[in-house]
C-alpha atoms as a PDB file:
ATOM      1  CA  UNK A   1       0.000   0.000   0.000  1.00  0.00           C
ATOM      2  CA  UNK A   2       2.792   2.400   0.878  1.00  0.00           C
ATOM      3  CA  UNK A   3       4.493   1.697  -2.451  1.00  0.00           C
ATOM      4  CA  UNK A   4       1.333   2.419  -4.424  1.00  0.00           C
ATOM      5  CA  UNK A   5       0.799   5.602  -2.419  1.00  0.00           C
ATOM      6  CA  UNK A   6       4.420   6.636  -3.056  1.00  0.00           C
ATOM      7  CA  UNK A   7       3.565   6.757  -6.772  1.00  0.00           C
ATOM      8  CA  UNK A   8       0.875   9.368  -6.167  1.00  0.00           C
ATOM      9  CA  UNK A   9      -2.121   7.027  -5.937  1.00  0.00           C
ATOM     10  CA  UNK A  10      -4.506   7.170  -3.009  1.00  0.00           C
ATOM     11  CA  UNK A  11      -5.553   3.981  -1.245  1.00  0.00           C
ATOM     12  CA  UNK A  12      -9.113   5.260  -1.633  1.00  0.00           C
ATOM     13  CA  UNK A  13      -8.808   4.985  -5.431  1.00  0.00           C
ATOM     14  CA  UNK A  14      -7.959   1.283  -5.300  1.00  0.00           C
ATOM     15  CA  UNK A  15     -10.436  -1.604  -5.453  1.00  0.00           C
ATOM     16  CA  UNK A  16     -10.525  -4.277  -2.756  1.00  0.00           C
ATOM     17  CA  UNK A  17     -11.911  -7.796  -2.989  1.00  0.00           C
ATOM     18  CA  UNK A  18     -11.866 -10.501  -0.343  1.00  0.00           C
ATOM     19  CA  UNK A  19     -11.194 -14.187  -0.962  1.00  0.00           C
ATOM     20  CA  UNK A  20     -12.216 -16.160   2.099  1.00  0.00           C
ATOM     21  CA  UNK A  21     -13.600 -19.496   3.272  1.00  0.00           C
ATOM     22  CA  UNK A  22     -17.370 -19.659   3.581  1.00  0.00           C
ATOM     23  CA  UNK A  23     -17.103 -20.662   7.249  1.00  0.00           C
ATOM     24  CA  UNK A  24     -15.580 -17.279   8.198  1.00  0.00           C
ATOM     25  CA  UNK A  25     -17.450 -14.251   9.559  1.00  0.00           C
ATOM     26  CA  UNK A  26     -17.308 -12.285   6.301  1.00  0.00           C
ATOM     27  CA  UNK A  27     -18.780  -8.940   7.514  1.00  0.00           C
ATOM     28  CA  UNK A  28     -16.413  -8.883  10.512  1.00  0.00           C
ATOM     29  CA  UNK A  29     -13.409  -9.629   8.302  1.00  0.00           C
ATOM     30  CA  UNK A  30     -14.419  -6.940   5.790  1.00  0.00           C
ATOM     31  CA  UNK A  31     -14.630  -4.437   8.647  1.00  0.00           C
ATOM     32  CA  UNK A  32     -11.247  -5.636   9.997  1.00  0.00           C
ATOM     33  CA  UNK A  33      -9.529  -5.037   6.616  1.00  0.00           C
ATOM     34  CA  UNK A  34     -11.189  -1.618   6.244  1.00  0.00           C
ATOM     35  CA  UNK A  35      -9.984  -0.603   9.705  1.00  0.00           C
ATOM     36  CA  UNK A  36      -6.464  -1.990   9.116  1.00  0.00           C
ATOM     37  CA  UNK A  37      -6.114  -0.057   5.846  1.00  0.00           C
ATOM     38  CA  UNK A  38      -7.885   3.061   7.161  1.00  0.00           C
ATOM     39  CA  UNK A  39     -10.666   2.794   4.583  1.00  0.00           C
ATOM     40  CA  UNK A  40     -14.313   3.736   4.813  1.00  0.00           C
ATOM     41  CA  UNK A  41     -16.679   0.984   5.832  1.00  0.00           C
ATOM     42  CA  UNK A  42     -17.843  -0.922   2.781  1.00  0.00           C
ATOM     43  CA  UNK A  43     -14.651  -0.285   0.786  1.00  0.00           C
ATOM     44  CA  UNK A  44     -13.804  -3.992   0.864  1.00  0.00           C
ATOM     45  CA  UNK A  45     -16.509  -4.984  -1.558  1.00  0.00           C
ATOM     46  CA  UNK A  46     -16.786  -8.145  -3.604  1.00  0.00           C
ATOM     47  CA  UNK A  47     -16.262 -11.437  -1.813  1.00  0.00           C
ATOM     48  CA  UNK A  48     -15.153 -14.733  -3.328  1.00  0.00           C
ATOM     49  CA  UNK A  49     -16.187 -17.563  -1.049  1.00  0.00           C
ATOM     50  CA  UNK A  50     -14.001 -20.632  -0.990  1.00  0.00           C
ATOM     51  CA  UNK A  51     -15.803 -23.871  -0.231  1.00  0.00           C
ATOM     52  CA  UNK A  52     -15.056 -25.135   3.247  1.00  0.00           C
ATOM     53  CA  UNK A  53     -13.840 -28.733   3.395  1.00  0.00           C
ATOM     54  CA  UNK A  54     -13.286 -29.789   7.017  1.00  0.00           C
ATOM     55  CA  UNK A  55     -11.219 -32.826   5.998  1.00  0.00           C
ATOM     56  CA  UNK A  56      -8.337 -30.702   4.697  1.00  0.00           C
ATOM     57  CA  UNK A  57      -5.472 -29.788   6.994  1.00  0.00           C
ATOM     58  CA  UNK A  58      -5.647 -26.045   6.496  1.00  0.00           C
ATOM     59  CA  UNK A  59      -4.129 -23.883   9.189  1.00  0.00           C
ATOM     60  CA  UNK A  60      -5.966 -20.629   8.470  1.00  0.00           C
ATOM     61  CA  UNK A  61      -8.927 -21.027  10.788  1.00  0.00           C
ATOM     62  CA  UNK A  62     -10.625 -19.407  13.736  1.00  0.00           C
ATOM     63  CA  UNK A  63     -10.914 -15.761  14.742  1.00  0.00           C
ATOM     64  CA  UNK A  64      -7.418 -14.955  13.448  1.00  0.00           C
ATOM     65  CA  UNK A  65      -8.340 -16.019   9.893  1.00  0.00           C
ATOM     66  CA  UNK A  66      -8.834 -12.916   7.765  1.00  0.00           C
ATOM     67  CA  UNK A  67      -8.817 -14.337   4.236  1.00  0.00           C
ATOM     68  CA  UNK A  68      -6.808 -12.972   1.345  1.00  0.00           C
ATOM     69  CA  UNK A  69      -7.290  -9.365   0.289  1.00  0.00           C
ATOM     70  CA  UNK A  70      -7.002  -8.768  -3.449  1.00  0.00           C
ATOM     71  CA  UNK A  71      -6.047  -5.194  -4.326  1.00  0.00           C
ATOM     72  CA  UNK A  72      -6.624  -3.878  -7.852  1.00  0.00           C
ATOM     73  CA  UNK A  73      -5.212  -0.622  -9.188  1.00  0.00           C
ATOM     74  CA  UNK A  74      -7.688   0.864 -11.679  1.00  0.00           C
ATOM     75  CA  UNK A  75      -6.005   2.233 -14.796  1.00  0.00           C
ATOM     76  CA  UNK A  76      -2.747   0.801 -13.478  1.00  0.00           C
ATOM     77  CA  UNK A  77      -0.810   0.783 -16.748  1.00  0.00           C
ATOM     78  CA  UNK A  78       1.438   3.678 -15.722  1.00  0.00           C
ATOM     79  CA  UNK A  79       2.090   2.054 -12.336  1.00  0.00           C
ATOM     80  CA  UNK A  80       3.015  -1.178 -14.119  1.00  0.00           C
ATOM     81  CA  UNK A  81       5.506   0.706 -16.310  1.00  0.00           C
ATOM     82  CA  UNK A  82       6.911   2.424 -13.218  1.00  0.00           C
ATOM     83  CA  UNK A  83       7.473  -0.938 -11.515  1.00  0.00           C
ATOM     84  CA  UNK A  84       8.932  -2.418 -14.695  1.00  0.00           C
ATOM     85  CA  UNK A  85      11.399   0.493 -14.948  1.00  0.00           C
ATOM     86  CA  UNK A  86      12.418   0.138 -11.304  1.00  0.00           C
ATOM     87  CA  UNK A  87      13.079  -3.585 -11.735  1.00  0.00           C
ATOM     88  CA  UNK A  88      15.020  -3.033 -14.943  1.00  0.00           C
ATOM     89  CA  UNK A  89      17.152  -0.395 -13.197  1.00  0.00           C
ATOM     90  CA  UNK A  90      17.819  -2.747 -10.297  1.00  0.00           C
ATOM     91  CA  UNK A  91      18.787  -5.555 -12.679  1.00  0.00           C
ATOM     92  CA  UNK A  92      21.166  -3.290 -14.600  1.00  0.00           C
ATOM     93  CA  UNK A  93      22.788  -1.990 -11.441  1.00  0.00           C
ATOM     94  CA  UNK A  94      23.973  -5.491 -10.634  1.00  0.00           C
ATOM     95  CA  UNK A  95      25.619  -6.072 -14.013  1.00  0.00           C
ATOM     96  CA  UNK A  96      29.209  -4.972 -14.673  1.00  0.00           C
ATOM     97  CA  UNK A  97      29.540  -2.582 -17.592  1.00  0.00           C
ATOM     98  CA  UNK A  98      30.587  -4.213 -20.835  1.00  0.00           C
ATOM     99  CA  UNK A  99      34.148  -3.334 -21.800  1.00  0.00           C
ATOM    100  CA  UNK A 100      33.991  -1.264 -24.913  1.00  0.00           C
END
């Protein structure tokens, strides 16, 4: 979030979706994410429910389970290019200059 904000985007312009098991308290988890990210209530919108299978050995359970928050940057092409440029610069900085 801090990285996206450092590029001039506001966290309020982003889109938030929750992927969570159907056995979880979805409204409470949505409110938890909104509070954690300092967003208005209801900002964590669409929910993808994952089918709960009790026979699996998953560890993400109970009151501490908060699902997976999916963050989308609308019109994020420029941000993508920014990230691509940063990574290219980092990769080049590790290469010795070719003798010429």
